[in-house]
Amino acid sequence: MNSVPDLKGCDRSGPAWSVLPRQFYCRDTVLVARELLGKILVRRSRGGTTAGRIVEVEAYLPHDDPACHATRGRTRSNRAMFGPPGCAYVYPIHSRYCLNAVTLETGVASAVLIRAVEPLHGIALMQRRRGCLAVRNLARGPARLCEAFAVDRRLDRWNLARGQRLWIVDDPATRLRPEEIGQSVRIGVTAAHDLPLRFFWRHCPFVSGPRGWTYAQESPT
């Protein structure tokens, strides 16, 4: 893994640290998923600030994807998926939560599930929230991640591009090469379980699932 970046000022836009704008998310869902790898997820709460590098994601598509929560239409619980892009979609699972970044234009339901991050900042706070001392397991898996970062339904539909409370920033020092990105089928879904829409940083110990399936192809420009 790359060295831990200096996170001072990661909550401000600028040449070194830039909050990802809505335009970043208003693109093809698979492209957004791949390019989220290496970015920094930041959460500021009354308890303090936590941050981690995104190392594993899954794409959920607006068409021909029965595993997508919006495949049967808009509901009160999934309305965040319909946009605008760059909003958080937070849904409950087994008394905990999963965090997604909404993609594509408003009205087209799609999102990227953030499955795992490498903890970088606020590790002691994550350990208290999780009741876990092992750094490797603090945010390795979507439910663990949300517990470590204090993400729940109150952040559903939150604008990730605001740079407040919950946001994602670019790390200009981290640019993954195509051969560093692994690709596999998604984890824990029964519908469309054969779609290769999970992307991860190969050989990273903070990834939640298998790390050796195949290389992802270089994304279109």
C-alpha atoms as a PDB file:
ATOM      1  CA  MET A   1       0.000   0.000   0.000  1.00  0.00           C
ATOM      2  CA  ASN A   2       1.037   3.610  -0.447  1.00  0.00           C
ATOM      3  CA  SER A   3       2.234   5.600   2.538  1.00  0.00           C
ATOM      4  CA  VAL A   4      -0.451   7.242   4.660  1.00  0.00           C
ATOM      5  CA  PRO A   5      -1.143  10.756   3.320  1.00  0.00           C
ATOM      6  CA  ASP A   6      -1.124  13.881   5.442  1.00  0.00           C
ATOM      7  CA  LEU A   7      -4.865  14.320   6.017  1.00  0.00           C
ATOM      8  CA  LYS A   8      -4.609  17.834   7.406  1.00  0.00           C
ATOM      9  CA  GLY A   9      -6.953  19.972   5.348  1.00  0.00           C
ATOM     10  CA  CYS A  10      -8.674  17.060   3.619  1.00  0.00           C
ATOM     11  CA  ASP A  11     -11.995  18.782   4.307  1.00  0.00           C
ATOM     12  CA  ARG A  12     -11.123  21.732   2.072  1.00  0.00           C
ATOM     13  CA  SER A  13     -11.076  21.931  -1.691  1.00  0.00           C
ATOM     14  CA  GLY A  14      -7.792  22.915  -3.252  1.00  0.00           C
ATOM     15  CA  PRO A  15      -4.960  21.660  -5.417  1.00  0.00           C
ATOM     16  CA  ALA A  16      -3.916  19.055  -2.842  1.00  0.00           C
ATOM     17  CA  TRP A  17      -7.276  17.871  -1.553  1.00  0.00           C
ATOM     18  CA  SER A  18     -10.416  18.202  -3.644  1.00  0.00           C
ATOM     19  CA  VAL A  19     -13.878  17.120  -2.570  1.00  0.00           C
ATOM     20  CA  LEU A  20     -15.278  15.025  -5.407  1.00  0.00           C
ATOM     21  CA  PRO A  21     -17.927  17.145  -7.198  1.00  0.00           C
ATOM     22  CA  ARG A  22     -21.314  15.975  -8.438  1.00  0.00           C
ATOM     23  CA  GLN A  23     -19.868  15.714 -11.946  1.00  0.00           C
ATOM     24  CA  PHE A  24     -17.610  12.888 -10.790  1.00  0.00           C
ATOM     25  CA  TYR A  25     -20.641  10.769  -9.907  1.00  0.00           C
ATOM     26  CA  CYS A  26     -22.770  11.752 -12.912  1.00  0.00           C
ATOM     27  CA  ARG A  27     -21.085   9.162 -15.145  1.00  0.00           C
ATOM     28  CA  ASP A  28     -21.192   5.474 -15.984  1.00  0.00           C
ATOM     29  CA  THR A  29     -21.600   3.509 -12.737  1.00  0.00           C
ATOM     30  CA  VAL A  30     -18.813   1.026 -13.451  1.00  0.00           C
ATOM     31  CA  LEU A  31     -16.415   3.837 -14.303  1.00  0.00           C
ATOM     32  CA  VAL A  32     -17.263   5.658 -11.072  1.00  0.00           C
ATOM     33  CA  ALA A  33     -16.832   2.437  -9.085  1.00  0.00           C
ATOM     34  CA  ARG A  34     -13.348   1.809 -10.450  1.00  0.00           C
ATOM     35  CA  GLU A  35     -12.276   5.416  -9.965  1.00  0.00           C
ATOM     36  CA  LEU A  36     -13.487   5.512  -6.353  1.00  0.00           C
ATOM     37  CA  LEU A  37     -10.710   3.061  -5.488  1.00  0.00           C
ATOM     38  CA  GLY A  38      -7.924   4.988  -3.769  1.00  0.00           C
ATOM     39  CA  LYS A  39     -10.140   7.946  -2.891  1.00  0.00           C
ATOM     40  CA  ILE A  40     -10.521   9.009   0.765  1.00  0.00           C
ATOM     41  CA  LEU A  41     -13.840   8.693   2.625  1.00  0.00           C
ATOM     42  CA  VAL A  42     -14.144  11.307   5.392  1.00  0.00           C
ATOM     43  CA  ARG A  43     -16.716  11.490   8.182  1.00  0.00           C
ATOM     44  CA  ARG A  44     -16.925  14.339  10.681  1.00  0.00           C
ATOM     45  CA  SER A  45     -19.211  13.967  13.698  1.00  0.00           C
ATOM     46  CA  ARG A  46     -19.416  15.275  17.239  1.00  0.00           C
ATOM     47  CA  GLY A  47     -17.196  12.398  18.299  1.00  0.00           C
ATOM     48  CA  GLY A  48     -14.409  13.400  15.928  1.00  0.00           C
ATOM     49  CA  THR A  49     -13.205  12.887  12.368  1.00  0.00           C
ATOM     50  CA  THR A  50     -12.498   9.534  10.734  1.00  0.00           C
ATOM     51  CA  ALA A  51     -11.038   8.888   7.294  1.00  0.00           C
ATOM     52  CA  GLY A  52     -10.055   5.890   5.227  1.00  0.00           C
ATOM     53  CA  ARG A  53      -8.921   4.941   1.752  1.00  0.00           C
ATOM     54  CA  ILE A  54     -11.560   3.175  -0.357  1.00  0.00           C
ATOM     55  CA  VAL A  55     -10.236  -0.244  -1.395  1.00  0.00           C
ATOM     56  CA  GLU A  56     -13.338  -2.230  -2.415  1.00  0.00           C
ATOM     57  CA  VAL A  57     -16.617  -1.320  -4.128  1.00  0.00           C
ATOM     58  CA  GLU A  58     -19.525  -2.874  -6.011  1.00  0.00           C
ATOM     59  CA  ALA A  59     -21.547  -1.362  -8.862  1.00  0.00           C
ATOM     60  CA  TYR A  60     -25.347  -1.632  -9.019  1.00  0.00           C
ATOM     61  CA  LEU A  61     -26.775  -0.799 -12.432  1.00  0.00           C
ATOM     62  CA  PRO A  62     -30.028   0.865 -13.536  1.00  0.00           C
ATOM     63  CA  HIS A  63     -30.864  -1.733 -16.180  1.00  0.00           C
ATOM     64  CA  ASP A  64     -30.787  -5.536 -16.332  1.00  0.00           C
ATOM     65  CA  ASP A  65     -29.548  -5.810 -12.758  1.00  0.00           C
ATOM     66  CA  PRO A  66     -32.115  -7.529 -10.486  1.00  0.00           C
ATOM     67  CA  ALA A  67     -29.764  -7.104  -7.502  1.00  0.00           C
ATOM     68  CA  CYS A  68     -30.208  -3.326  -7.699  1.00  0.00           C
ATOM     69  CA  HIS A  69     -32.614  -2.122  -4.998  1.00  0.00           C
ATOM     70  CA  ALA A  70     -34.482   0.047  -7.481  1.00  0.00           C
ATOM     71  CA  THR A  71     -35.181  -2.683 -10.019  1.00  0.00           C
ATOM     72  CA  ARG A  72     -38.883  -2.720  -9.040  1.00  0.00           C
ATOM     73  CA  GLY A  73     -39.266   1.029  -8.984  1.00  0.00           C
ATOM     74  CA  ARG A  74     -39.055   3.929  -6.584  1.00  0.00           C
ATOM     75  CA  THR A  75     -40.002   3.460  -2.932  1.00  0.00           C
ATOM     76  CA  ARG A  76     -39.651   5.571   0.180  1.00  0.00           C
ATOM     77  CA  SER A  77     -36.615   3.561   1.265  1.00  0.00           C
ATOM     78  CA  ASN A  78     -34.728   3.579  -2.053  1.00  0.00           C
ATOM     79  CA  ARG A  79     -35.597   7.057  -3.332  1.00  0.00           C
ATOM     80  CA  ALA A  80     -32.004   8.242  -2.819  1.00  0.00           C
ATOM     81  CA  MET A  81     -30.925   5.945  -5.659  1.00  0.00           C
ATOM     82  CA  PHE A  82     -32.887   8.066  -8.114  1.00  0.00           C
ATOM     83  CA  GLY A  83     -30.576  10.998  -7.567  1.00  0.00           C
ATOM     84  CA  PRO A  84     -29.268  13.532  -7.787  1.00  0.00           C
ATOM     85  CA  PRO A  85     -25.811  12.037  -8.392  1.00  0.00           C
ATOM     86  CA  GLY A  86     -23.325  12.373  -5.570  1.00  0.00           C
ATOM     87  CA  CYS A  87     -25.890  11.692  -2.857  1.00  0.00           C
ATOM     88  CA  ALA A  88     -25.441   8.986  -0.247  1.00  0.00           C
ATOM     89  CA  TYR A  89     -27.798   6.031  -0.295  1.00  0.00           C
ATOM     90  CA  VAL A  90     -27.775   4.401   3.148  1.00  0.00           C
ATOM     91  CA  TYR A  91     -29.847   1.298   3.779  1.00  0.00           C
ATOM     92  CA  PRO A  92     -30.182  -0.990   6.827  1.00  0.00           C
ATOM     93  CA  ILE A  93     -28.882  -4.552   6.992  1.00  0.00           C
ATOM     94  CA  HIS A  94     -29.024  -6.744  10.113  1.00  0.00           C
ATOM     95  CA  SER A  95     -29.382  -3.747  12.480  1.00  0.00           C
ATOM     96  CA  ARG A  96     -26.460  -2.000  10.774  1.00  0.00           C
ATOM     97  CA  TYR A  97     -26.078  -0.070   7.528  1.00  0.00           C
ATOM     98  CA  CYS A  98     -24.469   0.025   4.091  1.00  0.00           C
ATOM     99  CA  LEU A  99     -23.195   3.166   2.359  1.00  0.00           C
ATOM    100  CA  ASN A 100     -23.556   3.814  -1.370  1.00  0.00           C
ATOM    101  CA  ALA A 101     -22.670   6.714  -3.661  1.00  0.00           C
ATOM    102  CA  VAL A 102     -25.438   7.483  -6.170  1.00  0.00           C
ATOM    103  CA  THR A 103     -24.357   7.729  -9.819  1.00  0.00           C
ATOM    104  CA  LEU A 104     -25.686   8.802 -13.235  1.00  0.00           C
ATOM    105  CA  GLU A 105     -28.200  11.561 -13.799  1.00  0.00           C
ATOM    106  CA  THR A 106     -31.210  12.334 -11.631  1.00  0.00           C
ATOM    107  CA  GLY A 107     -34.026   9.850 -12.173  1.00  0.00           C
ATOM    108  CA  VAL A 108     -31.784   6.956 -13.222  1.00  0.00           C
ATOM    109  CA  ALA A 109     -31.379   4.650 -10.219  1.00  0.00           C
ATOM    110  CA  SER A 110     -27.844   3.349  -9.778  1.00  0.00           C
ATOM    111  CA  ALA A 111     -25.177   3.414  -7.099  1.00  0.00           C
ATOM    112  CA  VAL A 112     -21.787   2.177  -5.950  1.00  0.00           C
ATOM    113  CA  LEU A 113     -21.626   0.272  -2.675  1.00  0.00           C
ATOM    114  CA  ILE A 114     -18.512   1.119  -0.661  1.00  0.00           C
ATOM    115  CA  ARG A 115     -17.512  -2.267   0.731  1.00  0.00           C
ATOM    116  CA  ALA A 116     -14.235  -1.570   2.539  1.00  0.00           C
ATOM    117  CA  VAL A 117     -11.722   1.120   3.424  1.00  0.00           C
ATOM    118  CA  GLU A 118      -8.214   1.171   4.829  1.00  0.00           C
ATOM    119  CA  PRO A 119      -8.429   3.166   8.108  1.00  0.00           C
ATOM    120  CA  LEU A 120      -6.139   6.197   8.016  1.00  0.00           C
ATOM    121  CA  HIS A 121      -7.354   8.767  10.538  1.00  0.00           C
ATOM    122  CA  GLY A 122      -9.395   8.558  13.742  1.00  0.00           C
ATOM    123  CA  ILE A 123      -8.490   4.922  14.264  1.00  0.00           C
ATOM    124  CA  ALA A 124      -8.967   5.067  18.044  1.00  0.00           C
ATOM    125  CA  LEU A 125     -12.477   6.460  17.501  1.00  0.00           C
ATOM    126  CA  MET A 126     -13.261   3.650  15.053  1.00  0.00           C
ATOM    127  CA  GLN A 127     -12.026   1.105  17.599  1.00  0.00           C
ATOM    128  CA  ARG A 128     -14.339   2.497  20.278  1.00  0.00           C
ATOM    129  CA  ARG A 129     -17.323   2.471  17.954  1.00  0.00           C
ATOM    130  CA  ARG A 130     -16.649  -1.058  16.796  1.00  0.00           C
ATOM    131  CA  GLY A 131     -15.431  -2.519  20.093  1.00  0.00           C
ATOM    132  CA  CYS A 132     -12.587  -3.912  18.053  1.00  0.00           C
ATOM    133  CA  LEU A 133      -8.833  -3.313  18.301  1.00  0.00           C
ATOM    134  CA  ALA A 134      -7.730  -5.067  15.112  1.00  0.00           C
ATOM    135  CA  VAL A 135      -7.236  -2.253  12.588  1.00  0.00           C
ATOM    136  CA  ARG A 136      -7.574  -4.678   9.668  1.00  0.00           C
ATOM    137  CA  ASN A 137     -11.147  -5.508  10.693  1.00  0.00           C
ATOM    138  CA  LEU A 138     -12.406  -2.029  11.562  1.00  0.00           C
ATOM    139  CA  ALA A 139     -13.924  -1.216   8.164  1.00  0.00           C
ATOM    140  CA  ARG A 140     -13.464  -4.429   6.176  1.00  0.00           C
ATOM    141  CA  GLY A 141     -17.024  -5.004   4.976  1.00  0.00           C
ATOM    142  CA  PRO A 142     -19.870  -2.526   4.391  1.00  0.00           C
ATOM    143  CA  ALA A 143     -21.637  -2.941   7.759  1.00  0.00           C
ATOM    144  CA  ARG A 144     -18.388  -2.710   9.721  1.00  0.00           C
ATOM    145  CA  LEU A 145     -17.454   0.358   7.702  1.00  0.00           C
ATOM    146  CA  CYS A 146     -20.682   2.156   8.567  1.00  0.00           C
ATOM    147  CA  GLU A 147     -20.329   1.297  12.246  1.00  0.00           C
ATOM    148  CA  ALA A 148     -16.732   2.544  12.322  1.00  0.00           C
ATOM    149  CA  PHE A 149     -17.676   5.770  10.532  1.00  0.00           C
ATOM    150  CA  ALA A 150     -20.983   6.338  12.396  1.00  0.00           C
ATOM    151  CA  VAL A 151     -23.049   6.181   9.199  1.00  0.00           C
ATOM    152  CA  ASP A 152     -26.764   5.440   9.516  1.00  0.00           C
ATOM    153  CA  ARG A 153     -30.062   6.354   7.854  1.00  0.00           C
ATOM    154  CA  ARG A 154     -29.775   9.935   9.039  1.00  0.00           C
ATOM    155  CA  LEU A 155     -27.180  10.364   6.283  1.00  0.00           C
ATOM    156  CA  ASP A 156     -29.402   8.867   3.582  1.00  0.00           C
ATOM    157  CA  ARG A 157     -29.661  11.348   0.664  1.00  0.00           C
ATOM    158  CA  TRP A 158     -26.754  13.370   2.086  1.00  0.00           C
ATOM    159  CA  ASN A 159     -24.886  15.410  -0.541  1.00  0.00           C
ATOM    160  CA  LEU A 160     -21.382  13.918  -0.631  1.00  0.00           C
ATOM    161  CA  ALA A 161     -20.154  16.887  -2.664  1.00  0.00           C
ATOM    162  CA  ARG A 162     -20.804  19.400   0.154  1.00  0.00           C
ATOM    163  CA  GLY A 163     -17.604  18.613   2.030  1.00  0.00           C
ATOM    164  CA  GLN A 164     -19.463  18.468   5.349  1.00  0.00           C
ATOM    165  CA  ARG A 165     -20.315  15.595   7.722  1.00  0.00           C
ATOM    166  CA  LEU A 166     -19.689  12.901   5.086  1.00  0.00           C
ATOM    167  CA  TRP A 167     -17.728  13.307   1.869  1.00  0.00           C
ATOM    168  CA  ILE A 168     -15.090  11.802  -0.412  1.00  0.00           C
ATOM    169  CA  VAL A 169     -11.882  13.506  -1.514  1.00  0.00           C
ATOM    170  CA  ASP A 170      -9.325  12.794  -4.168  1.00  0.00           C
ATOM    171  CA  ASP A 171      -5.852  11.678  -3.129  1.00  0.00           C
ATOM    172  CA  PRO A 172      -3.605  13.062  -5.869  1.00  0.00           C
ATOM    173  CA  ALA A 173      -0.749  10.825  -4.754  1.00  0.00           C
ATOM    174  CA  THR A 174      -2.752   7.631  -5.349  1.00  0.00           C
ATOM    175  CA  ARG A 175      -3.476   6.582  -8.909  1.00  0.00           C
ATOM    176  CA  LEU A 176      -4.078   2.870  -9.349  1.00  0.00           C
ATOM    177  CA  ARG A 177      -2.719   1.169 -12.458  1.00  0.00           C
ATOM    178  CA  PRO A 178      -5.101  -1.206 -14.278  1.00  0.00           C
ATOM    179  CA  GLU A 179      -3.119  -4.233 -13.089  1.00  0.00           C
ATOM    180  CA  GLU A 180      -3.621  -3.140  -9.461  1.00  0.00           C
ATOM    181  CA  ILE A 181      -7.427  -3.346  -9.759  1.00  0.00           C
ATOM    182  CA  GLY A 182      -9.100  -6.709  -9.292  1.00  0.00           C
ATOM    183  CA  GLN A 183     -12.569  -7.565 -10.539  1.00  0.00           C
ATOM    184  CA  SER A 184     -14.978 -10.294  -9.482  1.00  0.00           C
ATOM    185  CA  VAL A 185     -18.625 -11.161  -9.031  1.00  0.00           C
ATOM    186  CA  ARG A 186     -20.393  -9.347  -6.208  1.00  0.00           C
ATOM    187  CA  ILE A 187     -20.560 -10.757  -2.680  1.00  0.00           C
ATOM    188  CA  GLY A 188     -23.703 -11.831  -0.842  1.00  0.00           C
ATOM    189  CA  VAL A 189     -26.264 -11.303  -3.603  1.00  0.00           C
ATOM    190  CA  THR A 190     -28.572 -14.021  -4.909  1.00  0.00           C
ATOM    191  CA  ALA A 191     -29.906 -12.178  -7.958  1.00  0.00           C
ATOM    192  CA  ALA A 192     -27.480 -11.453 -10.799  1.00  0.00           C
ATOM    193  CA  HIS A 193     -24.756 -13.095  -8.741  1.00  0.00           C
ATOM    194  CA  ASP A 194     -22.731 -13.823 -11.886  1.00  0.00           C
ATOM    195  CA  LEU A 195     -22.174 -10.180 -12.879  1.00  0.00           C
ATOM    196  CA  PRO A 196     -18.500  -9.159 -12.411  1.00  0.00           C
ATOM    197  CA  LEU A 197     -19.264  -5.807 -10.787  1.00  0.00           C
ATOM    198  CA  ARG A 198     -17.039  -5.908  -7.704  1.00  0.00           C
ATOM    199  CA  PHE A 199     -13.772  -3.962  -7.920  1.00  0.00           C
ATOM    200  CA  PHE A 200     -10.964  -3.974  -5.376  1.00  0.00           C
ATOM    201  CA  TRP A 201      -7.355  -3.042  -4.755  1.00  0.00           C
ATOM    202  CA  ARG A 202      -5.473  -6.271  -5.394  1.00  0.00           C
ATOM    203  CA  HIS A 203      -3.255  -7.620  -2.597  1.00  0.00           C
ATOM    204  CA  CYS A 204      -4.721  -5.112  -0.119  1.00  0.00           C
ATOM    205  CA  PRO A 205      -5.272  -6.714   3.319  1.00  0.00           C
ATOM    206  CA  PHE A 206      -8.239  -4.413   4.031  1.00  0.00           C
ATOM    207  CA  VAL A 207     -10.403  -5.884   1.244  1.00  0.00           C
ATOM    208  CA  SER A 208     -13.352  -7.839   2.646  1.00  0.00           C
ATOM    209  CA  GLY A 209     -13.562 -10.683   0.140  1.00  0.00           C
ATOM    210  CA  PRO A 210     -11.400 -12.740  -2.234  1.00  0.00           C
ATOM    211  CA  ARG A 211      -8.542 -10.789  -3.792  1.00  0.00           C
ATOM    212  CA  GLY A 212      -7.343 -12.906  -6.658  1.00  0.00           C
ATOM    213  CA  TRP A 213     -10.073 -13.288  -9.275  1.00  0.00           C
ATOM    214  CA  THR A 214      -8.906 -11.255 -12.282  1.00  0.00           C
ATOM    215  CA  TYR A 215      -7.658  -7.871 -13.416  1.00  0.00           C
ATOM    216  CA  ALA A 216     -10.130  -5.158 -14.331  1.00  0.00           C
ATOM    217  CA  GLN A 217      -9.867  -3.808 -17.842  1.00  0.00           C
ATOM    218  CA  GLU A 218      -8.823  -0.212 -18.293  1.00  0.00           C
ATOM    219  CA  SER A 219     -11.862   2.040 -18.095  1.00  0.00           C
ATOM    220  CA  PRO A 220     -13.067   4.041 -21.090  1.00  0.00           C
ATOM    221  CA  THR A 221     -12.219   7.710 -21.330  1.00  0.00           C
END
